[in-house]
Amino acid sequence: MFDRGHLRLLLIVGTLFLVVGIMTTSVAKQFYSIILSLGVCTGIGMGCLFAPSIAIVGTYFTTKRAIASGLSAAGGGVGMLILSKLCQLNHL
């Protein structure tokens, strides 16, 4: 969908899947419903949000495209490491 120019629709659908997946996980009472909400619904939402964020970098950079794509892919992991450490410091 991203290659056909439907970025906004892809982001809206991904956000809705992610929010619905997290909300249904909070009210899940059985194991299969947790797997469906976290594994399927949240997974589809994160896929819809992560794939365009990596692919859009290639459209803006003509030189050093590989470095820019690598930095954008690593940014989520690095951000989560920093955020988890900041949350630990606030609870001390």
N, C-alpha and C. Protein backbone atom coordinates (compact mmCIF):
# COMPACT_ATOMS: atom_id res chain seq x y z
N MET A 1 0.82 -1.19 0.00
CA MET A 1 0.00 0.00 0.00
C MET A 1 0.86 1.26 0.00
N PHE A 2 2.01 1.17 0.66
CA PHE A 2 2.90 2.33 0.71
C PHE A 2 3.41 2.70 -0.67
N ASP A 3 3.78 1.69 -1.46
CA ASP A 3 4.30 1.96 -2.79
C ASP A 3 3.25 2.53 -3.73
N ARG A 4 2.00 2.28 -3.46
CA ARG A 4 0.93 2.82 -4.30
C ARG A 4 0.45 4.19 -3.84
N GLY A 5 1.04 4.75 -2.79
CA GLY A 5 0.72 6.09 -2.36
C GLY A 5 -0.35 6.19 -1.28
N HIS A 6 -0.61 5.10 -0.58
CA HIS A 6 -1.64 5.11 0.46
C HIS A 6 -1.02 5.13 1.85
N LEU A 7 -0.08 6.02 2.07
CA LEU A 7 0.61 6.09 3.35
C LEU A 7 -0.33 6.47 4.48
N ARG A 8 -1.16 7.46 4.27
CA ARG A 8 -2.05 7.92 5.33
C ARG A 8 -3.03 6.83 5.75
N LEU A 9 -3.59 6.11 4.79
CA LEU A 9 -4.50 5.02 5.10
C LEU A 9 -3.78 3.91 5.86
N LEU A 10 -2.56 3.61 5.47
CA LEU A 10 -1.77 2.58 6.14
C LEU A 10 -1.48 2.97 7.58
N LEU A 11 -1.16 4.22 7.82
CA LEU A 11 -0.89 4.68 9.18
C LEU A 11 -2.15 4.68 10.04
N ILE A 12 -3.29 5.05 9.47
CA ILE A 12 -4.54 5.04 10.21
C ILE A 12 -4.94 3.61 10.58
N VAL A 13 -4.85 2.70 9.62
CA VAL A 13 -5.20 1.30 9.88
C VAL A 13 -4.25 0.70 10.91
N GLY A 14 -2.96 0.98 10.80
CA GLY A 14 -1.99 0.46 11.76
C GLY A 14 -2.24 0.99 13.17
N THR A 15 -2.56 2.26 13.27
CA THR A 15 -2.85 2.84 14.58
C THR A 15 -4.10 2.24 15.19
N LEU A 16 -5.12 2.06 14.38
CA LEU A 16 -6.36 1.46 14.89
C LEU A 16 -6.14 0.02 15.36
N PHE A 17 -5.42 -0.77 14.56
CA PHE A 17 -5.12 -2.14 14.97
C PHE A 17 -4.33 -2.17 16.27
N LEU A 18 -3.36 -1.29 16.40
CA LEU A 18 -2.53 -1.25 17.59
C LEU A 18 -3.34 -0.86 18.83
N VAL A 19 -4.17 0.15 18.72
CA VAL A 19 -4.98 0.60 19.85
C VAL A 19 -6.00 -0.47 20.24
N VAL A 20 -6.67 -1.05 19.26
CA VAL A 20 -7.66 -2.09 19.55
C VAL A 20 -6.99 -3.31 20.15
N GLY A 21 -5.82 -3.68 19.67
CA GLY A 21 -5.09 -4.83 20.21
C GLY A 21 -4.70 -4.62 21.66
N ILE A 22 -4.22 -3.45 22.00
CA ILE A 22 -3.83 -3.17 23.38
C ILE A 22 -5.06 -3.09 24.29
N MET A 23 -6.13 -2.48 23.80
CA MET A 23 -7.34 -2.36 24.62
C MET A 23 -7.99 -3.71 24.87
N THR A 24 -8.02 -4.57 23.85
CA THR A 24 -8.63 -5.88 24.06
C THR A 24 -7.75 -6.80 24.90
N THR A 25 -6.46 -6.55 24.93
CA THR A 25 -5.59 -7.32 25.82
C THR A 25 -5.90 -7.01 27.28
N SER A 26 -6.25 -5.78 27.55
CA SER A 26 -6.51 -5.40 28.94
C SER A 26 -7.79 -6.04 29.50
N VAL A 27 -8.70 -6.42 28.64
CA VAL A 27 -9.94 -7.04 29.11
C VAL A 27 -9.99 -8.54 28.83
N ALA A 28 -8.90 -9.10 28.30
CA ALA A 28 -8.89 -10.53 27.95
C ALA A 28 -8.88 -11.38 29.21
N LYS A 29 -9.67 -12.45 29.19
CA LYS A 29 -9.77 -13.34 30.34
C LYS A 29 -9.23 -14.74 30.04
N GLN A 30 -9.10 -15.08 28.79
CA GLN A 30 -8.60 -16.41 28.43
C GLN A 30 -7.34 -16.28 27.59
N PHE A 31 -6.58 -17.36 27.59
CA PHE A 31 -5.27 -17.32 26.93
C PHE A 31 -5.37 -17.10 25.43
N TYR A 32 -6.32 -17.72 24.77
CA TYR A 32 -6.43 -17.56 23.32
C TYR A 32 -6.78 -16.13 22.94
N SER A 33 -7.54 -15.44 23.77
CA SER A 33 -7.88 -14.06 23.45
C SER A 33 -6.68 -13.13 23.64
N ILE A 34 -5.80 -13.47 24.57
CA ILE A 34 -4.57 -12.69 24.74
C ILE A 34 -3.67 -12.88 23.52
N ILE A 35 -3.57 -14.13 23.05
CA ILE A 35 -2.75 -14.40 21.87
C ILE A 35 -3.32 -13.69 20.65
N LEU A 36 -4.63 -13.72 20.48
CA LEU A 36 -5.24 -13.04 19.34
C LEU A 36 -5.04 -11.54 19.39
N SER A 37 -5.24 -10.96 20.57
CA SER A 37 -5.15 -9.50 20.65
C SER A 37 -3.71 -9.02 20.57
N LEU A 38 -2.79 -9.66 21.30
CA LEU A 38 -1.41 -9.21 21.25
C LEU A 38 -0.68 -9.71 20.00
N GLY A 39 -0.83 -10.98 19.71
CA GLY A 39 -0.08 -11.56 18.61
C GLY A 39 -0.57 -11.13 17.25
N VAL A 40 -1.87 -11.16 17.05
CA VAL A 40 -2.41 -10.89 15.72
C VAL A 40 -2.71 -9.40 15.53
N CYS A 41 -3.54 -8.86 16.39
CA CYS A 41 -4.01 -7.49 16.18
C CYS A 41 -2.87 -6.47 16.39
N THR A 42 -2.13 -6.61 17.46
CA THR A 42 -1.03 -5.68 17.71
C THR A 42 0.11 -5.91 16.72
N GLY A 43 0.32 -7.15 16.32
CA GLY A 43 1.36 -7.45 15.33
C GLY A 43 1.07 -6.83 13.98
N ILE A 44 -0.18 -6.92 13.54
CA ILE A 44 -0.56 -6.29 12.28
C ILE A 44 -0.42 -4.78 12.38
N GLY A 45 -0.83 -4.21 13.50
CA GLY A 45 -0.71 -2.76 13.68
C GLY A 45 0.73 -2.29 13.66
N MET A 46 1.61 -3.01 14.35
CA MET A 46 3.02 -2.63 14.36
C MET A 46 3.66 -2.82 12.99
N GLY A 47 3.24 -3.84 12.26
CA GLY A 47 3.75 -4.04 10.91
C GLY A 47 3.34 -2.91 9.98
N CYS A 48 2.09 -2.47 10.14
CA CYS A 48 1.61 -1.36 9.31
C CYS A 48 2.31 -0.04 9.65
N LEU A 49 2.78 0.11 10.86
CA LEU A 49 3.44 1.34 11.25
C LEU A 49 4.95 1.30 11.03
N PHE A 50 5.56 0.12 11.19
CA PHE A 50 7.02 0.03 11.11
C PHE A 50 7.52 0.00 9.67
N ALA A 51 6.82 -0.72 8.81
CA ALA A 51 7.29 -0.87 7.43
C ALA A 51 7.38 0.47 6.68
N PRO A 52 6.38 1.34 6.75
CA PRO A 52 6.53 2.63 6.05
C PRO A 52 7.61 3.53 6.66
N SER A 53 7.83 3.40 7.96
CA SER A 53 8.86 4.24 8.57
C SER A 53 10.25 3.88 8.08
N ILE A 54 10.47 2.64 7.70
CA ILE A 54 11.75 2.24 7.15
C ILE A 54 11.79 2.54 5.65
N ALA A 55 10.69 2.29 4.95
CA ALA A 55 10.67 2.46 3.49
C ALA A 55 10.71 3.92 3.07
N ILE A 56 10.17 4.81 3.86
CA ILE A 56 10.10 6.22 3.47
C ILE A 56 11.48 6.87 3.48
N VAL A 57 12.40 6.32 4.25
CA VAL A 57 13.75 6.88 4.30
C VAL A 57 14.42 6.76 2.94
N GLY A 58 14.18 5.67 2.23
CA GLY A 58 14.78 5.47 0.92
C GLY A 58 14.31 6.45 -0.13
N THR A 59 13.15 7.02 0.06
CA THR A 59 12.64 7.98 -0.92
C THR A 59 13.26 9.37 -0.75
N TYR A 60 13.78 9.68 0.42
CA TYR A 60 14.33 11.01 0.67
C TYR A 60 15.84 11.08 0.48
N PHE A 61 16.53 9.97 0.65
CA PHE A 61 17.99 9.98 0.55
C PHE A 61 18.43 9.36 -0.77
N THR A 62 19.32 10.05 -1.46
CA THR A 62 19.89 9.48 -2.68
C THR A 62 21.31 9.00 -2.44
N THR A 63 22.06 9.72 -1.64
CA THR A 63 23.39 9.27 -1.27
C THR A 63 23.35 8.78 0.18
N LYS A 64 24.15 7.80 0.48
CA LYS A 64 24.23 7.19 1.81
C LYS A 64 22.87 6.67 2.27
N ARG A 65 22.12 6.08 1.36
CA ARG A 65 20.79 5.55 1.65
C ARG A 65 20.86 4.39 2.63
N ALA A 66 21.89 3.56 2.53
CA ALA A 66 22.02 2.41 3.41
C ALA A 66 22.24 2.82 4.86
N ILE A 67 23.05 3.85 5.07
CA ILE A 67 23.29 4.34 6.43
C ILE A 67 22.02 4.94 7.01
N ALA A 68 21.29 5.69 6.22
CA ALA A 68 20.04 6.30 6.70
C ALA A 68 19.01 5.23 7.04
N SER A 69 18.89 4.20 6.22
CA SER A 69 17.94 3.12 6.49
C SER A 69 18.34 2.35 7.75
N GLY A 70 19.62 2.11 7.91
CA GLY A 70 20.09 1.42 9.10
C GLY A 70 19.85 2.20 10.37
N LEU A 71 20.08 3.50 10.32
CA LEU A 71 19.84 4.34 11.50
C LEU A 71 18.36 4.42 11.84
N SER A 72 17.51 4.48 10.83
CA SER A 72 16.08 4.54 11.12
C SER A 72 15.57 3.21 11.66
N ALA A 73 16.13 2.10 11.20
CA ALA A 73 15.72 0.80 11.71
C ALA A 73 16.21 0.59 13.14
N ALA A 74 17.38 1.10 13.46
CA ALA A 74 17.94 0.94 14.80
C ALA A 74 17.36 1.94 15.79
N GLY A 75 16.72 2.98 15.29
CA GLY A 75 16.21 4.03 16.17
C GLY A 75 15.16 3.55 17.16
N GLY A 76 14.31 2.63 16.76
CA GLY A 76 13.28 2.11 17.68
C GLY A 76 13.87 1.33 18.83
N GLY A 77 14.87 0.52 18.54
CA GLY A 77 15.52 -0.26 19.59
C GLY A 77 16.31 0.60 20.55
N VAL A 78 17.02 1.55 20.02
CA VAL A 78 17.80 2.46 20.86
C VAL A 78 16.87 3.33 21.71
N GLY A 79 15.80 3.79 21.11
CA GLY A 79 14.83 4.59 21.86
C GLY A 79 14.20 3.80 23.01
N MET A 80 13.92 2.53 22.77
CA MET A 80 13.34 1.70 23.84
C MET A 80 14.36 1.47 24.96
N LEU A 81 15.62 1.29 24.62
CA LEU A 81 16.64 1.13 25.66
C LEU A 81 16.75 2.39 26.51
N ILE A 82 16.77 3.53 25.87
CA ILE A 82 16.89 4.78 26.60
C ILE A 82 15.65 5.03 27.45
N LEU A 83 14.47 4.76 26.89
CA LEU A 83 13.23 4.97 27.63
C LEU A 83 13.13 4.06 28.84
N SER A 84 13.56 2.81 28.71
CA SER A 84 13.49 1.90 29.85
C SER A 84 14.44 2.33 30.97
N LYS A 85 15.61 2.83 30.60
CA LYS A 85 16.55 3.32 31.63
C LYS A 85 16.02 4.57 32.31
N LEU A 86 15.37 5.45 31.54
CA LEU A 86 14.80 6.65 32.15
C LEU A 86 13.66 6.30 33.10
N CYS A 87 12.87 5.31 32.74
CA CYS A 87 11.78 4.88 33.63
C CYS A 87 12.33 4.25 34.91
N GLN A 88 13.44 3.52 34.81
CA GLN A 88 14.06 2.94 35.99
C GLN A 88 14.61 4.02 36.90
N LEU A 89 15.18 5.06 36.33
CA LEU A 89 15.74 6.14 37.16
C LEU A 89 14.63 6.90 37.87
N ASN A 90 13.49 7.05 37.27
CA ASN A 90 12.39 7.78 37.91
C ASN A 90 11.78 7.01 39.06
N HIS A 91 11.91 5.69 39.08
CA HIS A 91 11.33 4.88 40.16
C HIS A 91 12.28 4.65 41.30
N LEU A 92 13.51 5.16 41.22
CA LEU A 92 14.47 4.96 42.31
C LEU A 92 14.27 5.92 43.42
